[in-house]
Amino acid sequence: MASATEMLSLSKYTLSLLEKGCTRDEITSDLLEKGHDELFIQGLVHETFKQRYAKMRSQGLAFIFAGAFICLLSFALTITSSITHFSFSFVLYGLTSVGILVMFAGLVKLF
């Protein structure tokens, strides 16, 4: 059980180094200096990068879906503008622009 908690803290340490902006080689050399096995370090660093990119992908998809919902809401309000008496230009240009910007932010995180 001690090795599992040690491995969890080591993965958190590796993730924190990655968040600080360290490169793959810097992280590997830092862990090698601490006395860990080279194959273990390569696998750990690889999985940490995969975890980081998976997190960014999920955030990007969430932004894309939120932007699509805002655009759909803008479309529905524009279609029903004669009934609801909302400001046509705010709904048509404002909400649509916000929705598109949110979608582009999601695409930036995705790619």
PDB file of N, CA and C in Angstrom:
ATOM      1  N   MET A   1       0.818  -1.188   0.000  1.00  0.00           N
ATOM      2  CA  MET A   1       0.000   0.000   0.000  1.00  0.00           C
ATOM      3  C   MET A   1       0.864   1.255   0.000  1.00  0.00           C
ATOM      4  N   ALA A   2       2.033   1.183   0.599  1.00  0.00           N
ATOM      5  CA  ALA A   2       2.918   2.341   0.634  1.00  0.00           C
ATOM      6  C   ALA A   2       3.421   2.685  -0.761  1.00  0.00           C
ATOM      7  N   SER A   3       3.643   1.666  -1.601  1.00  0.00           N
ATOM      8  CA  SER A   3       4.127   1.952  -2.950  1.00  0.00           C
ATOM      9  C   SER A   3       3.045   2.615  -3.797  1.00  0.00           C
ATOM     10  N   ALA A   4       1.773   2.288  -3.552  1.00  0.00           N
ATOM     11  CA  ALA A   4       0.688   2.921  -4.306  1.00  0.00           C
ATOM     12  C   ALA A   4       0.568   4.396  -3.949  1.00  0.00           C
ATOM     13  N   THR A   5       0.701   4.717  -2.670  1.00  0.00           N
ATOM     14  CA  THR A   5       0.627   6.125  -2.286  1.00  0.00           C
ATOM     15  C   THR A   5       1.868   6.883  -2.758  1.00  0.00           C
ATOM     16  N   GLU A   6       3.009   6.193  -2.766  1.00  0.00           N
ATOM     17  CA  GLU A   6       4.229   6.819  -3.272  1.00  0.00           C
ATOM     18  C   GLU A   6       4.104   7.100  -4.764  1.00  0.00           C
ATOM     19  N   MET A   7       3.525   6.149  -5.506  1.00  0.00           N
ATOM     20  CA  MET A   7       3.354   6.334  -6.938  1.00  0.00           C
ATOM     21  C   MET A   7       2.349   7.453  -7.214  1.00  0.00           C
ATOM     22  N   LEU A   8       1.298   7.556  -6.388  1.00  0.00           N
ATOM     23  CA  LEU A   8       0.316   8.618  -6.559  1.00  0.00           C
ATOM     24  C   LEU A   8       0.957   9.980  -6.302  1.00  0.00           C
ATOM     25  N   SER A   9       1.763  10.070  -5.256  1.00  0.00           N
ATOM     26  CA  SER A   9       2.424  11.345  -4.987  1.00  0.00           C
ATOM     27  C   SER A   9       3.460  11.655  -6.065  1.00  0.00           C
ATOM     28  N   LEU A  10       4.090  10.645  -6.622  1.00  0.00           N
ATOM     29  CA  LEU A  10       5.060  10.859  -7.694  1.00  0.00           C
ATOM     30  C   LEU A  10       4.364  11.348  -8.962  1.00  0.00           C
ATOM     31  N   SER A  11       3.188  10.809  -9.251  1.00  0.00           N
ATOM     32  CA  SER A  11       2.456  11.278 -10.428  1.00  0.00           C
ATOM     33  C   SER A  11       1.961  12.710 -10.218  1.00  0.00           C
ATOM     34  N   LYS A  12       1.555  13.046  -8.996  1.00  0.00           N
ATOM     35  CA  LYS A  12       1.162  14.430  -8.711  1.00  0.00           C
ATOM     36  C   LYS A  12       2.359  15.367  -8.841  1.00  0.00           C
ATOM     37  N   TYR A  13       3.495  14.911  -8.388  1.00  0.00           N
ATOM     38  CA  TYR A  13       4.719  15.704  -8.509  1.00  0.00           C
ATOM     39  C   TYR A  13       5.067  15.925  -9.979  1.00  0.00           C
ATOM     40  N   THR A  14       4.947  14.879 -10.778  1.00  0.00           N
ATOM     41  CA  THR A  14       5.230  14.987 -12.207  1.00  0.00           C
ATOM     42  C   THR A  14       4.252  15.935 -12.880  1.00  0.00           C
ATOM     43  N   LEU A  15       2.980  15.844 -12.496  1.00  0.00           N
ATOM     44  CA  LEU A  15       1.966  16.737 -13.058  1.00  0.00           C
ATOM     45  C   LEU A  15       2.222  18.183 -12.644  1.00  0.00           C
ATOM     46  N   SER A  16       2.676  18.394 -11.416  1.00  0.00           N
ATOM     47  CA  SER A  16       2.970  19.760 -10.980  1.00  0.00           C
ATOM     48  C   SER A  16       4.165  20.337 -11.743  1.00  0.00           C
ATOM     49  N   LEU A  17       5.165  19.498 -12.025  1.00  0.00           N
ATOM     50  CA  LEU A  17       6.296  19.961 -12.839  1.00  0.00           C
ATOM     51  C   LEU A  17       5.838  20.324 -14.247  1.00  0.00           C
ATOM     52  N   LEU A  18       4.927  19.546 -14.768  1.00  0.00           N
ATOM     53  CA  LEU A  18       4.406  19.811 -16.106  1.00  0.00           C
ATOM     54  C   LEU A  18       3.604  21.110 -16.129  1.00  0.00           C
ATOM     55  N   GLU A  19       2.829  21.356 -15.082  1.00  0.00           N
ATOM     56  CA  GLU A  19       2.044  22.583 -15.004  1.00  0.00           C
ATOM     57  C   GLU A  19       2.929  23.812 -14.838  1.00  0.00           C
ATOM     58  N   LYS A  20       4.114  23.640 -14.235  1.00  0.00           N
ATOM     59  CA  LYS A  20       5.047  24.754 -14.078  1.00  0.00           C
ATOM     60  C   LYS A  20       5.724  25.121 -15.394  1.00  0.00           C
ATOM     61  N   GLY A  21       5.628  24.239 -16.385  1.00  0.00           N
ATOM     62  CA  GLY A  21       6.189  24.524 -17.698  1.00  0.00           C
ATOM     63  C   GLY A  21       7.473  23.778 -17.998  1.00  0.00           C
ATOM     64  N   CYS A  22       7.788  22.771 -17.208  1.00  0.00           N
ATOM     65  CA  CYS A  22       8.994  21.983 -17.469  1.00  0.00           C
ATOM     66  C   CYS A  22       8.790  21.115 -18.705  1.00  0.00           C
ATOM     67  N   THR A  23       9.857  20.871 -19.425  1.00  0.00           N
ATOM     68  CA  THR A  23       9.775  20.019 -20.601  1.00  0.00           C
ATOM     69  C   THR A  23       9.880  18.547 -20.177  1.00  0.00           C
ATOM     70  N   ARG A  24       9.655  17.693 -21.149  1.00  0.00           N
ATOM     71  CA  ARG A  24       9.710  16.255 -20.891  1.00  0.00           C
ATOM     72  C   ARG A  24      11.109  15.835 -20.429  1.00  0.00           C
ATOM     73  N   ASP A  25      12.130  16.393 -21.056  1.00  0.00           N
ATOM     74  CA  ASP A  25      13.507  16.043 -20.679  1.00  0.00           C
ATOM     75  C   ASP A  25      13.858  16.539 -19.280  1.00  0.00           C
ATOM     76  N   GLU A  26      13.395  17.732 -18.929  1.00  0.00           N
ATOM     77  CA  GLU A  26      13.665  18.253 -17.589  1.00  0.00           C
ATOM     78  C   GLU A  26      13.003  17.402 -16.515  1.00  0.00           C
ATOM     79  N   ILE A  27      11.779  16.978 -16.772  1.00  0.00           N
ATOM     80  CA  ILE A  27      11.066  16.131 -15.805  1.00  0.00           C
ATOM     81  C   ILE A  27      11.775  14.792 -15.670  1.00  0.00           C
ATOM     82  N   THR A  28      12.177  14.220 -16.807  1.00  0.00           N
ATOM     83  CA  THR A  28      12.867  12.928 -16.775  1.00  0.00           C
ATOM     84  C   THR A  28      14.185  13.027 -16.020  1.00  0.00           C
ATOM     85  N   SER A  29      14.961  14.078 -16.287  1.00  0.00           N
ATOM     86  CA  SER A  29      16.242  14.207 -15.592  1.00  0.00           C
ATOM     87  C   SER A  29      16.047  14.464 -14.097  1.00  0.00           C
ATOM     88  N   ASP A  30      15.012  15.201 -13.730  1.00  0.00           N
ATOM     89  CA  ASP A  30      14.731  15.451 -12.318  1.00  0.00           C
ATOM     90  C   ASP A  30      14.369  14.155 -11.595  1.00  0.00           C
ATOM     91  N   LEU A  31      13.561  13.330 -12.234  1.00  0.00           N
ATOM     92  CA  LEU A  31      13.176  12.060 -11.604  1.00  0.00           C
ATOM     93  C   LEU A  31      14.333  11.061 -11.588  1.00  0.00           C
ATOM     94  N   LEU A  32      15.193  11.127 -12.597  1.00  0.00           N
ATOM     95  CA  LEU A  32      16.383  10.260 -12.589  1.00  0.00           C
ATOM     96  C   LEU A  32      17.324  10.637 -11.450  1.00  0.00           C
ATOM     97  N   GLU A  33      17.432  11.925 -11.160  1.00  0.00           N
ATOM     98  CA  GLU A  33      18.273  12.373 -10.055  1.00  0.00           C
ATOM     99  C   GLU A  33      17.736  11.886  -8.708  1.00  0.00           C
ATOM    100  N   LYS A  34      16.431  11.689  -8.633  1.00  0.00           N
ATOM    101  CA  LYS A  34      15.830  11.201  -7.393  1.00  0.00           C
ATOM    102  C   LYS A  34      16.006   9.694  -7.220  1.00  0.00           C
ATOM    103  N   GLY A  35      16.522   9.017  -8.260  1.00  0.00           N
ATOM    104  CA  GLY A  35      16.856   7.613  -8.143  1.00  0.00           C
ATOM    105  C   GLY A  35      15.810   6.634  -8.631  1.00  0.00           C
ATOM    106  N   HIS A  36      14.910   7.074  -9.504  1.00  0.00           N
ATOM    107  CA  HIS A  36      13.882   6.173 -10.028  1.00  0.00           C
ATOM    108  C   HIS A  36      14.381   5.483 -11.291  1.00  0.00           C
ATOM    109  N   ASP A  37      13.733   4.368 -11.637  1.00  0.00           N
ATOM    110  CA  ASP A  37      14.090   3.578 -12.808  1.00  0.00           C
ATOM    111  C   ASP A  37      13.723   4.333 -14.086  1.00  0.00           C
ATOM    112  N   GLU A  38      14.584   4.218 -15.098  1.00  0.00           N
ATOM    113  CA  GLU A  38      14.395   4.981 -16.327  1.00  0.00           C
ATOM    114  C   GLU A  38      13.138   4.554 -17.089  1.00  0.00           C
ATOM    115  N   LEU A  39      12.869   3.258 -17.191  1.00  0.00           N
ATOM    116  CA  LEU A  39      11.668   2.789 -17.892  1.00  0.00           C
ATOM    117  C   LEU A  39      10.396   3.212 -17.159  1.00  0.00           C
ATOM    118  N   PHE A  40      10.447   3.178 -15.837  1.00  0.00           N
ATOM    119  CA  PHE A  40       9.298   3.626 -15.039  1.00  0.00           C
ATOM    120  C   PHE A  40       9.040   5.113 -15.258  1.00  0.00           C
ATOM    121  N   ILE A  41      10.117   5.888 -15.319  1.00  0.00           N
ATOM    122  CA  ILE A  41       9.980   7.334 -15.514  1.00  0.00           C
ATOM    123  C   ILE A  41       9.408   7.635 -16.887  1.00  0.00           C
ATOM    124  N   GLN A  42       9.869   6.931 -17.913  1.00  0.00           N
ATOM    125  CA  GLN A  42       9.352   7.162 -19.262  1.00  0.00           C
ATOM    126  C   GLN A  42       7.857   6.866 -19.339  1.00  0.00           C
ATOM    127  N   GLY A  43       7.449   5.767 -18.712  1.00  0.00           N
ATOM    128  CA  GLY A  43       6.025   5.433 -18.692  1.00  0.00           C
ATOM    129  C   GLY A  43       5.209   6.447 -17.906  1.00  0.00           C
ATOM    130  N   LEU A  44       5.750   6.890 -16.782  1.00  0.00           N
ATOM    131  CA  LEU A  44       5.048   7.860 -15.940  1.00  0.00           C
ATOM    132  C   LEU A  44       4.891   9.197 -16.657  1.00  0.00           C
ATOM    133  N   VAL A  45       5.947   9.653 -17.287  1.00  0.00           N
ATOM    134  CA  VAL A  45       5.894  10.930 -18.011  1.00  0.00           C
ATOM    135  C   VAL A  45       4.936  10.826 -19.192  1.00  0.00           C
ATOM    136  N   HIS A  46       4.963   9.712 -19.893  1.00  0.00           N
ATOM    137  CA  HIS A  46       4.054   9.507 -21.022  1.00  0.00           C
ATOM    138  C   HIS A  46       2.599   9.535 -20.562  1.00  0.00           C
ATOM    139  N   GLU A  47       2.295   8.847 -19.481  1.00  0.00           N
ATOM    140  CA  GLU A  47       0.927   8.822 -18.963  1.00  0.00           C
ATOM    141  C   GLU A  47       0.502  10.183 -18.424  1.00  0.00           C
ATOM    142  N   THR A  48       1.440  10.922 -17.850  1.00  0.00           N
ATOM    143  CA  THR A  48       1.118  12.257 -17.344  1.00  0.00           C
ATOM    144  C   THR A  48       0.761  13.195 -18.486  1.00  0.00           C
ATOM    145  N   PHE A  49       1.507  13.115 -19.586  1.00  0.00           N
ATOM    146  CA  PHE A  49       1.185  13.934 -20.753  1.00  0.00           C
ATOM    147  C   PHE A  49      -0.164  13.530 -21.339  1.00  0.00           C
ATOM    148  N   LYS A  50      -0.435  12.223 -21.392  1.00  0.00           N
ATOM    149  CA  LYS A  50      -1.733  11.771 -21.893  1.00  0.00           C
ATOM    150  C   LYS A  50      -2.864  12.288 -21.015  1.00  0.00           C
ATOM    151  N   GLN A  51      -2.659  12.270 -19.698  1.00  0.00           N
ATOM    152  CA  GLN A  51      -3.677  12.744 -18.768  1.00  0.00           C
ATOM    153  C   GLN A  51      -3.922  14.245 -18.960  1.00  0.00           C
ATOM    154  N   ARG A  52      -2.868  15.002 -19.146  1.00  0.00           N
ATOM    155  CA  ARG A  52      -3.009  16.440 -19.345  1.00  0.00           C
ATOM    156  C   ARG A  52      -3.771  16.741 -20.630  1.00  0.00           C
ATOM    157  N   TYR A  53      -3.428  16.047 -21.717  1.00  0.00           N
ATOM    158  CA  TYR A  53      -4.111  16.290 -22.984  1.00  0.00           C
ATOM    159  C   TYR A  53      -5.561  15.819 -22.942  1.00  0.00           C
ATOM    160  N   ALA A  54      -5.852  14.760 -22.213  1.00  0.00           N
ATOM    161  CA  ALA A  54      -7.235  14.305 -22.075  1.00  0.00           C
ATOM    162  C   ALA A  54      -8.060  15.340 -21.312  1.00  0.00           C
ATOM    163  N   LYS A  55      -7.476  15.952 -20.308  1.00  0.00           N
ATOM    164  CA  LYS A  55      -8.166  16.996 -19.547  1.00  0.00           C
ATOM    165  C   LYS A  55      -8.449  18.196 -20.435  1.00  0.00           C
ATOM    166  N   MET A  56      -7.471  18.585 -21.246  1.00  0.00           N
ATOM    167  CA  MET A  56      -7.666  19.718 -22.145  1.00  0.00           C
ATOM    168  C   MET A  56      -8.725  19.407 -23.200  1.00  0.00           C
ATOM    169  N   ARG A  57      -8.743  18.168 -23.689  1.00  0.00           N
ATOM    170  CA  ARG A  57      -9.764  17.773 -24.665  1.00  0.00           C
ATOM    171  C   ARG A  57     -11.158  17.833 -24.078  1.00  0.00           C
ATOM    172  N   SER A  58     -11.322  17.349 -22.851  1.00  0.00           N
ATOM    173  CA  SER A  58     -12.650  17.365 -22.238  1.00  0.00           C
ATOM    174  C   SER A  58     -13.101  18.797 -21.965  1.00  0.00           C
ATOM    175  N   GLN A  59     -12.190  19.669 -21.550  1.00  0.00           N
ATOM    176  CA  GLN A  59     -12.549  21.073 -21.362  1.00  0.00           C
ATOM    177  C   GLN A  59     -12.914  21.718 -22.701  1.00  0.00           C
ATOM    178  N   GLY A  60     -12.170  21.401 -23.741  1.00  0.00           N
ATOM    179  CA  GLY A  60     -12.461  21.944 -25.061  1.00  0.00           C
ATOM    180  C   GLY A  60     -13.822  21.523 -25.573  1.00  0.00           C
ATOM    181  N   LEU A  61     -14.159  20.257 -25.396  1.00  0.00           N
ATOM    182  CA  LEU A  61     -15.478  19.790 -25.829  1.00  0.00           C
ATOM    183  C   LEU A  61     -16.598  20.448 -25.034  1.00  0.00           C
ATOM    184  N   ALA A  62     -16.361  20.675 -23.746  1.00  0.00           N
ATOM    185  CA  ALA A  62     -17.367  21.363 -22.930  1.00  0.00           C
ATOM    186  C   ALA A  62     -17.585  22.786 -23.427  1.00  0.00           C
ATOM    187  N   PHE A  63     -16.501  23.476 -23.789  1.00  0.00           N
ATOM    188  CA  PHE A  63     -16.636  24.824 -24.337  1.00  0.00           C
ATOM    189  C   PHE A  63     -17.365  24.810 -25.677  1.00  0.00           C
ATOM    190  N   ILE A  64     -17.067  23.842 -26.509  1.00  0.00           N
ATOM    191  CA  ILE A  64     -17.738  23.754 -27.809  1.00  0.00           C
ATOM    192  C   ILE A  64     -19.230  23.523 -27.644  1.00  0.00           C
ATOM    193  N   PHE A  65     -19.602  22.624 -26.745  1.00  0.00           N
ATOM    194  CA  PHE A  65     -21.026  22.373 -26.515  1.00  0.00           C
ATOM    195  C   PHE A  65     -21.721  23.581 -25.900  1.00  0.00           C
ATOM    196  N   ALA A  66     -21.037  24.289 -24.998  1.00  0.00           N
ATOM    197  CA  ALA A  66     -21.629  25.491 -24.407  1.00  0.00           C
ATOM    198  C   ALA A  66     -21.823  26.566 -25.481  1.00  0.00           C
ATOM    199  N   GLY A  67     -20.840  26.744 -26.357  1.00  0.00           N
ATOM    200  CA  GLY A  67     -20.969  27.716 -27.442  1.00  0.00           C
ATOM    201  C   GLY A  67     -22.085  27.348 -28.405  1.00  0.00           C
ATOM    202  N   ALA A  68     -22.216  26.063 -28.691  1.00  0.00           N
ATOM    203  CA  ALA A  68     -23.299  25.618 -29.577  1.00  0.00           C
ATOM    204  C   ALA A  68     -24.658  25.876 -28.929  1.00  0.00           C
ATOM    205  N   PHE A  69     -24.755  25.677 -27.624  1.00  0.00           N
ATOM    206  CA  PHE A  69     -26.016  25.943 -26.928  1.00  0.00           C
ATOM    207  C   PHE A  69     -26.342  27.433 -26.946  1.00  0.00           C
ATOM    208  N   ILE A  70     -25.328  28.279 -26.757  1.00  0.00           N
ATOM    209  CA  ILE A  70     -25.560  29.725 -26.802  1.00  0.00           C
ATOM    210  C   ILE A  70     -26.011  30.140 -28.200  1.00  0.00           C
ATOM    211  N   CYS A  71     -25.408  29.561 -29.231  1.00  0.00           N
ATOM    212  CA  CYS A  71     -25.826  29.872 -30.603  1.00  0.00           C
ATOM    213  C   CYS A  71     -27.245  29.388 -30.870  1.00  0.00           C
ATOM    214  N   LEU A  72     -27.591  28.228 -30.346  1.00  0.00           N
ATOM    215  CA  LEU A  72     -28.955  27.721 -30.504  1.00  0.00           C
ATOM    216  C   LEU A  72     -29.952  28.622 -29.778  1.00  0.00           C
ATOM    217  N   LEU A  73     -29.587  29.077 -28.601  1.00  0.00           N
ATOM    218  CA  LEU A  73     -30.438  29.996 -27.853  1.00  0.00           C
ATOM    219  C   LEU A  73     -30.599  31.306 -28.609  1.00  0.00           C
ATOM    220  N   SER A  74     -29.526  31.790 -29.194  1.00  0.00           N
ATOM    221  CA  SER A  74     -29.585  33.007 -29.990  1.00  0.00           C
ATOM    222  C   SER A  74     -30.502  32.829 -31.200  1.00  0.00           C
ATOM    223  N   PHE A  75     -30.399  31.685 -31.836  1.00  0.00           N
ATOM    224  CA  PHE A  75     -31.276  31.391 -32.977  1.00  0.00           C
ATOM    225  C   PHE A  75     -32.736  31.371 -32.554  1.00  0.00           C
ATOM    226  N   ALA A  76     -33.025  30.708 -31.443  1.00  0.00           N
ATOM    227  CA  ALA A  76     -34.415  30.613 -30.983  1.00  0.00           C
ATOM    228  C   ALA A  76     -34.958  31.990 -30.596  1.00  0.00           C
ATOM    229  N   LEU A  77     -34.147  32.807 -29.961  1.00  0.00           N
ATOM    230  CA  LEU A  77     -34.607  34.148 -29.588  1.00  0.00           C
ATOM    231  C   LEU A  77     -34.763  35.045 -30.812  1.00  0.00           C
ATOM    232  N   THR A  78     -33.932  34.866 -31.822  1.00  0.00           N
ATOM    233  CA  THR A  78     -34.054  35.662 -33.044  1.00  0.00           C
ATOM    234  C   THR A  78     -35.329  35.291 -33.791  1.00  0.00           C
ATOM    235  N   ILE A  79     -35.641  34.010 -33.853  1.00  0.00           N
ATOM    236  CA  ILE A  79     -36.848  33.563 -34.544  1.00  0.00           C
ATOM    237  C   ILE A  79     -38.096  34.078 -33.840  1.00  0.00           C
ATOM    238  N   THR A  80     -38.062  34.094 -32.520  1.00  0.00           N
ATOM    239  CA  THR A  80     -39.239  34.512 -31.755  1.00  0.00           C
ATOM    240  C   THR A  80     -39.147  35.970 -31.322  1.00  0.00           C
ATOM    241  N   SER A  81     -38.330  36.790 -31.994  1.00  0.00           N
ATOM    242  CA  SER A  81     -38.140  38.175 -31.561  1.00  0.00           C
ATOM    243  C   SER A  81     -39.407  39.013 -31.692  1.00  0.00           C
ATOM    244  N   SER A  82     -40.275  38.687 -32.623  1.00  0.00           N
ATOM    245  CA  SER A  82     -41.515  39.460 -32.752  1.00  0.00           C
ATOM    246  C   SER A  82     -42.468  39.171 -31.599  1.00  0.00           C
ATOM    247  N   ILE A  83     -42.335  38.007 -30.974  1.00  0.00           N
ATOM    248  CA  ILE A  83     -43.207  37.651 -29.855  1.00  0.00           C
ATOM    249  C   ILE A  83     -42.646  38.179 -28.539  1.00  0.00           C
ATOM    250  N   THR A  84     -41.346  38.062 -28.352  1.00  0.00           N
ATOM    251  CA  THR A  84     -40.742  38.391 -27.060  1.00  0.00           C
ATOM    252  C   THR A  84     -40.320  39.847 -26.926  1.00  0.00           C
ATOM    253  N   HIS A  85     -40.178  40.576 -28.008  1.00  0.00           N
ATOM    254  CA  HIS A  85     -39.794  41.984 -28.028  1.00  0.00           C
ATOM    255  C   HIS A  85     -38.415  42.220 -27.420  1.00  0.00           C
ATOM    256  N   PHE A  86     -37.511  41.261 -27.580  1.00  0.00           N
ATOM    257  CA  PHE A  86     -36.117  41.471 -27.192  1.00  0.00           C
ATOM    258  C   PHE A  86     -35.453  42.373 -28.221  1.00  0.00           C
ATOM    259  N   SER A  87     -34.358  42.949 -27.826  1.00  0.00           N
ATOM    260  CA  SER A  87     -33.584  43.762 -28.761  1.00  0.00           C
ATOM    261  C   SER A  87     -33.014  42.833 -29.836  1.00  0.00           C
ATOM    262  N   PHE A  88     -33.420  43.036 -31.059  1.00  0.00           N
ATOM    263  CA  PHE A  88     -33.043  42.158 -32.154  1.00  0.00           C
ATOM    264  C   PHE A  88     -31.537  42.158 -32.387  1.00  0.00           C
ATOM    265  N   SER A  89     -30.922  43.341 -32.376  1.00  0.00           N
ATOM    266  CA  SER A  89     -29.492  43.410 -32.671  1.00  0.00           C
ATOM    267  C   SER A  89     -28.661  42.787 -31.557  1.00  0.00           C
ATOM    268  N   PHE A  90     -29.075  42.924 -30.293  1.00  0.00           N
ATOM    269  CA  PHE A  90     -28.334  42.304 -29.193  1.00  0.00           C
ATOM    270  C   PHE A  90     -28.362  40.788 -29.303  1.00  0.00           C
ATOM    271  N   VAL A  91     -29.531  40.251 -29.573  1.00  0.00           N
ATOM    272  CA  VAL A  91     -29.656  38.797 -29.669  1.00  0.00           C
ATOM    273  C   VAL A  91     -28.942  38.278 -30.898  1.00  0.00           C
ATOM    274  N   LEU A  92     -29.166  38.928 -32.033  1.00  0.00           N
ATOM    275  CA  LEU A  92     -28.598  38.425 -33.275  1.00  0.00           C
ATOM    276  C   LEU A  92     -27.077  38.554 -33.300  1.00  0.00           C
ATOM    277  N   TYR A  93     -26.556  39.694 -32.916  1.00  0.00           N
ATOM    278  CA  TYR A  93     -25.120  39.921 -33.014  1.00  0.00           C
ATOM    279  C   TYR A  93     -24.380  39.624 -31.707  1.00  0.00           C
ATOM    280  N   GLY A  94     -24.974  39.962 -30.588  1.00  0.00           N
ATOM    281  CA  GLY A  94     -24.305  39.780 -29.303  1.00  0.00           C
ATOM    282  C   GLY A  94     -24.191  38.328 -28.883  1.00  0.00           C
ATOM    283  N   LEU A  95     -25.335  37.645 -28.773  1.00  0.00           N
ATOM    284  CA  LEU A  95     -25.307  36.254 -28.321  1.00  0.00           C
ATOM    285  C   LEU A  95     -24.638  35.336 -29.328  1.00  0.00           C
ATOM    286  N   THR A  96     -24.853  35.587 -30.585  1.00  0.00           N
ATOM    287  CA  THR A  96     -24.206  34.757 -31.602  1.00  0.00           C
ATOM    288  C   THR A  96     -22.687  34.934 -31.550  1.00  0.00           C
ATOM    289  N   SER A  97     -22.229  36.163 -31.375  1.00  0.00           N
ATOM    290  CA  SER A  97     -20.790  36.411 -31.273  1.00  0.00           C
ATOM    291  C   SER A  97     -20.198  35.751 -30.034  1.00  0.00           C
ATOM    292  N   VAL A  98     -20.909  35.822 -28.920  1.00  0.00           N
ATOM    293  CA  VAL A  98     -20.436  35.174 -27.690  1.00  0.00           C
ATOM    294  C   VAL A  98     -20.368  33.659 -27.890  1.00  0.00           C
ATOM    295  N   GLY A  99     -21.389  33.092 -28.503  1.00  0.00           N
ATOM    296  CA  GLY A  99     -21.404  31.657 -28.754  1.00  0.00           C
ATOM    297  C   GLY A  99     -20.261  31.216 -29.646  1.00  0.00           C
ATOM    298  N   ILE A 100     -19.993  31.997 -30.684  1.00  0.00           N
ATOM    299  CA  ILE A 100     -18.896  31.655 -31.592  1.00  0.00           C
ATOM    300  C   ILE A 100     -17.552  31.786 -30.891  1.00  0.00           C
ATOM    301  N   LEU A 101     -17.381  32.820 -30.068  1.00  0.00           N
ATOM    302  CA  LEU A 101     -16.125  32.983 -29.330  1.00  0.00           C
ATOM    303  C   LEU A 101     -15.895  31.843 -28.345  1.00  0.00           C
ATOM    304  N   VAL A 102     -16.961  31.396 -27.689  1.00  0.00           N
ATOM    305  CA  VAL A 102     -16.837  30.266 -26.758  1.00  0.00           C
ATOM    306  C   VAL A 102     -16.478  28.998 -27.524  1.00  0.00           C
ATOM    307  N   MET A 103     -17.071  28.824 -28.693  1.00  0.00           N
ATOM    308  CA  MET A 103     -16.739  27.652 -29.498  1.00  0.00           C
ATOM    309  C   MET A 103     -15.283  27.688 -29.962  1.00  0.00           C
ATOM    310  N   PHE A 104     -14.792  28.863 -30.362  1.00  0.00           N
ATOM    311  CA  PHE A 104     -13.392  28.974 -30.767  1.00  0.00           C
ATOM    312  C   PHE A 104     -12.451  28.739 -29.584  1.00  0.00           C
ATOM    313  N   ALA A 105     -12.844  29.179 -28.393  1.00  0.00           N
ATOM    314  CA  ALA A 105     -12.025  28.897 -27.212  1.00  0.00           C
ATOM    315  C   ALA A 105     -11.940  27.392 -26.981  1.00  0.00           C
ATOM    316  N   GLY A 106     -13.056  26.690 -27.212  1.00  0.00           N
ATOM    317  CA  GLY A 106     -13.042  25.237 -27.099  1.00  0.00           C
ATOM    318  C   GLY A 106     -12.166  24.588 -28.152  1.00  0.00           C
ATOM    319  N   LEU A 107     -12.186  25.128 -29.366  1.00  0.00           N
ATOM    320  CA  LEU A 107     -11.335  24.578 -30.414  1.00  0.00           C
ATOM    321  C   LEU A 107      -9.860  24.802 -30.116  1.00  0.00           C
ATOM    322  N   VAL A 108      -9.533  25.935 -29.504  1.00  0.00           N
ATOM    323  CA  VAL A 108      -8.148  26.196 -29.121  1.00  0.00           C
ATOM    324  C   VAL A 108      -7.702  25.163 -28.080  1.00  0.00           C
ATOM    325  N   LYS A 109      -8.548  24.876 -27.114  1.00  0.00           N
ATOM    326  CA  LYS A 109      -8.188  23.870 -26.099  1.00  0.00           C
ATOM    327  C   LYS A 109      -8.148  22.466 -26.691  1.00  0.00           C
ATOM    328  N   LEU A 110      -8.972  22.223 -27.688  1.00  0.00           N
ATOM    329  CA  LEU A 110      -9.043  20.895 -28.286  1.00  0.00           C
ATOM    330  C   LEU A 110      -7.818  20.602 -29.131  1.00  0.00           C
ATOM    331  N   PHE A 111      -7.368  21.591 -29.890  1.00  0.00           N
ATOM    332  CA  PHE A 111      -6.231  21.379 -30.782  1.00  0.00           C
ATOM    333  C   PHE A 111      -5.033  22.096 -30.235  1.00  0.00           C
TER     334      PHE A 111
END
